[in-house]
Amino acid sequence: MAKEPEQTEYNFKREMLAALPNLRAFAISLIRSRDRADDLVQDTIMKAWAKQDSYQPGTNMRAWLVTILRNEFYSQIRKSGREVQDTDGAYTARLSVPPEQHGSVDLQDFRSALAKLPDDQREAILLIGASGFAYEEAAEICGCPVGTIKSRVSRARIRLQELLGIENENEFGPDAQTTAATGTASSSIR
């Protein structure tokens, strides 16, 4: 009985190795680059080995591996669409960020203004804005009608704008001088 796991592992490995030439040919047909195709086959084999318990012996190993390879190929394509090739560092050299101290000061100002709100307004805006509860959930937590929560949040937002001296949403994010110096676009909160 102790030899069955070894025999199963051996059969799995043998079947997987037998499928490698077909896998490689399929990968080359997808990518058209032998090096990248070999990398894709290697990724496929690693995933298959890690998930060998999900393979059902007696089924088509080649089809199972091709499915893994195909899924990995499309995952890599999706991922590469979100990545930027920057081998010479030119793109990175142009990147800059505003200094952190402005955000730290803004956060201190916000905390101070938040502390000045009445308890019911502070609770409502924290439940909705910071904790992400729906108005209905916040109303249930506070034991009041949904309209009351909406009113408290609205009054809290207006009061925070007054306390922080904010007249419109364009005043969020880096100021014009910082934006010009770093070459970044001003962000706005909607």
Protein backbone atom coordinates (compact mmCIF):
# COMPACT_ATOMS: atom_id res chain seq x y z
CA MET A 1 0.00 0.00 0.00
CA ALA A 2 2.88 2.40 0.70
CA LYS A 3 3.98 2.26 -2.96
CA GLU A 4 0.72 3.53 -4.44
CA PRO A 5 1.44 7.27 -3.90
CA GLU A 6 4.88 6.83 -5.49
CA GLN A 7 3.37 4.92 -8.41
CA THR A 8 0.68 7.60 -8.87
CA GLU A 9 3.28 10.38 -8.73
CA TYR A 10 5.46 8.47 -11.21
CA ASN A 11 2.55 8.02 -13.61
CA PHE A 12 1.64 11.67 -13.33
CA LYS A 13 5.22 12.76 -13.97
CA ARG A 14 5.60 10.31 -16.87
CA GLU A 15 2.36 11.46 -18.53
CA MET A 16 3.30 15.10 -18.02
CA LEU A 17 6.76 14.62 -19.54
CA ALA A 18 5.26 12.80 -22.51
CA ALA A 19 3.06 15.82 -23.20
CA LEU A 20 5.93 18.36 -23.17
CA PRO A 21 6.68 18.34 -26.94
CA ASN A 22 3.02 19.06 -27.77
CA LEU A 23 2.85 21.73 -25.07
CA ARG A 24 5.96 23.44 -26.40
CA ALA A 25 4.66 23.37 -29.97
CA PHE A 26 1.35 24.87 -28.85
CA ALA A 27 3.13 27.55 -26.82
CA ILE A 28 5.33 28.49 -29.79
CA SER A 29 2.25 28.77 -32.00
CA LEU A 30 0.69 31.17 -29.47
CA ILE A 31 3.73 33.33 -28.72
CA ARG A 32 6.01 32.89 -31.77
CA SER A 33 9.09 33.19 -29.58
CA ARG A 34 10.90 30.05 -28.49
CA ASP A 35 12.31 31.59 -25.30
CA ARG A 36 8.98 32.98 -24.15
CA ALA A 37 7.25 29.76 -25.17
CA ASP A 38 9.68 27.77 -23.01
CA ASP A 39 8.93 30.12 -20.10
CA LEU A 40 5.21 29.60 -20.63
CA VAL A 41 5.63 25.82 -20.71
CA GLN A 42 7.70 25.99 -17.51
CA ASP A 43 4.99 28.08 -15.80
CA THR A 44 2.40 25.58 -16.99
CA ILE A 45 4.33 22.60 -15.65
CA MET A 46 4.85 24.33 -12.31
CA LYS A 47 1.13 25.06 -11.99
CA ALA A 48 0.21 21.54 -13.06
CA TRP A 49 2.62 20.02 -10.57
CA ALA A 50 1.21 22.17 -7.77
CA LYS A 51 -2.35 21.18 -8.76
CA GLN A 52 -1.74 17.53 -9.60
CA ASP A 53 -4.33 16.50 -7.02
CA SER A 54 -7.01 18.07 -9.24
CA TYR A 55 -5.99 15.94 -12.23
CA GLN A 56 -8.17 12.88 -12.67
CA PRO A 57 -6.07 9.87 -13.67
CA GLY A 58 -7.28 8.22 -16.82
CA THR A 59 -8.39 11.49 -18.42
CA ASN A 60 -6.51 13.29 -21.16
CA MET A 61 -3.35 14.73 -19.56
CA ARG A 62 -2.41 16.61 -22.72
CA ALA A 63 -5.78 18.39 -22.86
CA TRP A 64 -5.53 19.25 -19.15
CA LEU A 65 -2.04 20.73 -19.61
CA VAL A 66 -3.03 22.63 -22.77
CA THR A 67 -5.92 24.18 -20.84
CA ILE A 68 -3.55 25.30 -18.08
CA LEU A 69 -1.10 26.65 -20.66
CA ARG A 70 -3.82 28.52 -22.52
CA ASN A 71 -5.19 30.05 -19.31
CA GLU A 72 -1.69 31.07 -18.23
CA PHE A 73 -1.04 32.61 -21.65
CA TYR A 74 -4.18 34.76 -21.46
CA SER A 75 -3.44 35.72 -17.85
CA GLN A 76 0.01 36.90 -18.91
CA ILE A 77 -1.47 38.91 -21.79
CA ARG A 78 -3.95 40.62 -19.46
CA LYS A 79 -1.18 41.32 -16.97
CA SER A 80 1.14 42.72 -19.65
CA GLY A 81 -1.58 45.14 -20.70
CA ARG A 82 -1.27 46.74 -17.28
CA GLU A 83 2.53 46.79 -17.27
CA VAL A 84 4.90 49.24 -18.89
CA GLN A 85 8.13 48.10 -20.51
CA ASP A 86 10.89 50.36 -19.20
CA THR A 87 14.14 48.51 -19.82
CA ASP A 88 16.26 51.65 -20.13
CA GLY A 89 14.60 53.45 -17.18
CA ALA A 90 13.46 56.43 -19.27
CA TYR A 91 9.85 56.20 -18.10
CA THR A 92 10.85 55.84 -14.46
CA ALA A 93 13.17 58.84 -14.68
CA ARG A 94 10.19 61.04 -15.63
CA LEU A 95 8.04 59.91 -12.71
CA SER A 96 7.71 62.05 -9.63
CA VAL A 97 5.39 62.30 -6.67
CA PRO A 98 4.41 65.18 -4.45
CA PRO A 99 6.19 65.30 -1.10
CA GLU A 100 4.55 63.35 1.71
CA GLN A 101 4.57 66.18 4.26
CA HIS A 102 1.68 67.94 2.52
CA GLY A 103 -0.52 64.88 2.85
CA SER A 104 0.51 64.48 6.47
CA VAL A 105 -0.42 68.08 7.28
CA ASP A 106 -3.71 67.71 5.38
CA LEU A 107 -4.52 64.56 7.36
CA GLN A 108 -3.82 66.35 10.66
CA ASP A 109 -6.09 69.21 9.59
CA PHE A 110 -8.81 66.74 8.61
CA ARG A 111 -8.58 64.88 11.93
CA SER A 112 -8.84 68.15 13.81
CA ALA A 113 -11.90 69.23 11.78
CA LEU A 114 -13.49 65.79 12.20
CA ALA A 115 -13.08 66.05 15.98
CA LYS A 116 -15.02 69.33 15.93
CA LEU A 117 -18.12 67.74 14.39
CA PRO A 118 -21.04 66.83 16.65
CA ASP A 119 -20.91 63.17 17.68
CA ASP A 120 -23.90 62.10 15.55
CA GLN A 121 -22.50 63.73 12.38
CA ARG A 122 -19.00 62.34 12.98
CA GLU A 123 -20.40 58.86 13.53
CA ALA A 124 -22.54 59.05 10.37
CA ILE A 125 -19.75 60.30 8.08
CA LEU A 126 -17.30 57.74 9.45
CA LEU A 127 -19.77 54.90 8.92
CA ILE A 128 -20.57 55.99 5.35
CA GLY A 129 -17.33 57.59 4.17
CA ALA A 130 -14.61 55.70 6.00
CA SER A 131 -16.16 52.32 6.81
CA GLY A 132 -18.07 51.96 3.54
CA PHE A 133 -21.45 51.07 5.01
CA ALA A 134 -24.58 51.71 2.96
CA TYR A 135 -26.96 54.33 4.33
CA GLU A 136 -29.40 51.58 5.30
CA GLU A 137 -26.71 49.71 7.24
CA ALA A 138 -25.53 52.87 8.99
CA ALA A 139 -29.14 53.71 9.93
CA GLU A 140 -29.55 50.26 11.43
CA ILE A 141 -26.28 50.61 13.38
CA CYS A 142 -27.30 54.04 14.71
CA GLY A 143 -30.90 53.03 15.33
CA CYS A 144 -32.42 55.85 13.30
CA PRO A 145 -34.17 56.35 9.93
CA VAL A 146 -32.16 56.32 6.69
CA GLY A 147 -33.15 59.95 6.02
CA THR A 148 -31.60 60.98 9.32
CA ILE A 149 -28.29 59.34 8.37
CA LYS A 150 -28.33 61.04 4.96
CA SER A 151 -29.01 64.39 6.62
CA ARG A 152 -26.21 63.90 9.17
CA VAL A 153 -23.72 62.95 6.44
CA SER A 154 -24.71 65.96 4.33
CA ARG A 155 -24.36 68.35 7.29
CA ALA A 156 -21.03 66.74 8.25
CA ARG A 157 -19.65 67.22 4.73
CA ILE A 158 -20.73 70.86 4.63
CA ARG A 159 -19.25 71.51 8.09
CA LEU A 160 -15.96 69.81 7.18
CA GLN A 161 -15.69 71.98 4.07
CA GLU A 162 -16.24 75.06 6.22
CA LEU A 163 -13.73 74.00 8.88
CA LEU A 164 -11.10 73.12 6.25
CA GLY A 165 -11.78 76.22 4.15
CA ILE A 166 -12.55 74.16 1.04
CA GLU A 167 -14.75 75.86 -1.52
CA ASN A 168 -14.70 73.26 -4.32
CA GLU A 169 -13.35 69.82 -5.14
CA ASN A 170 -10.39 71.22 -7.11
CA GLU A 171 -8.80 72.16 -3.81
CA PHE A 172 -8.08 68.49 -3.02
CA GLY A 173 -4.68 67.09 -3.89
CA PRO A 174 -1.43 68.91 -4.59
CA ASP A 175 -1.49 72.67 -5.06
CA ALA A 176 -0.66 74.34 -8.39
CA GLN A 177 3.00 74.92 -7.49
CA THR A 178 3.58 71.30 -6.46
CA THR A 179 1.78 70.08 -9.56
CA ALA A 180 3.96 72.26 -11.78
CA ALA A 181 7.15 71.16 -10.03
CA THR A 182 6.43 67.45 -10.14
CA GLY A 183 4.60 67.36 -13.46
CA THR A 184 1.64 65.53 -11.94
CA ALA A 185 -2.02 66.24 -12.57
CA SER A 186 -4.12 67.45 -9.69
CA SER A 187 -6.47 64.79 -8.41
CA SER A 188 -10.02 65.43 -7.42
CA ILE A 189 -12.35 63.53 -5.16
CA ARG A 190 -15.81 62.91 -6.50
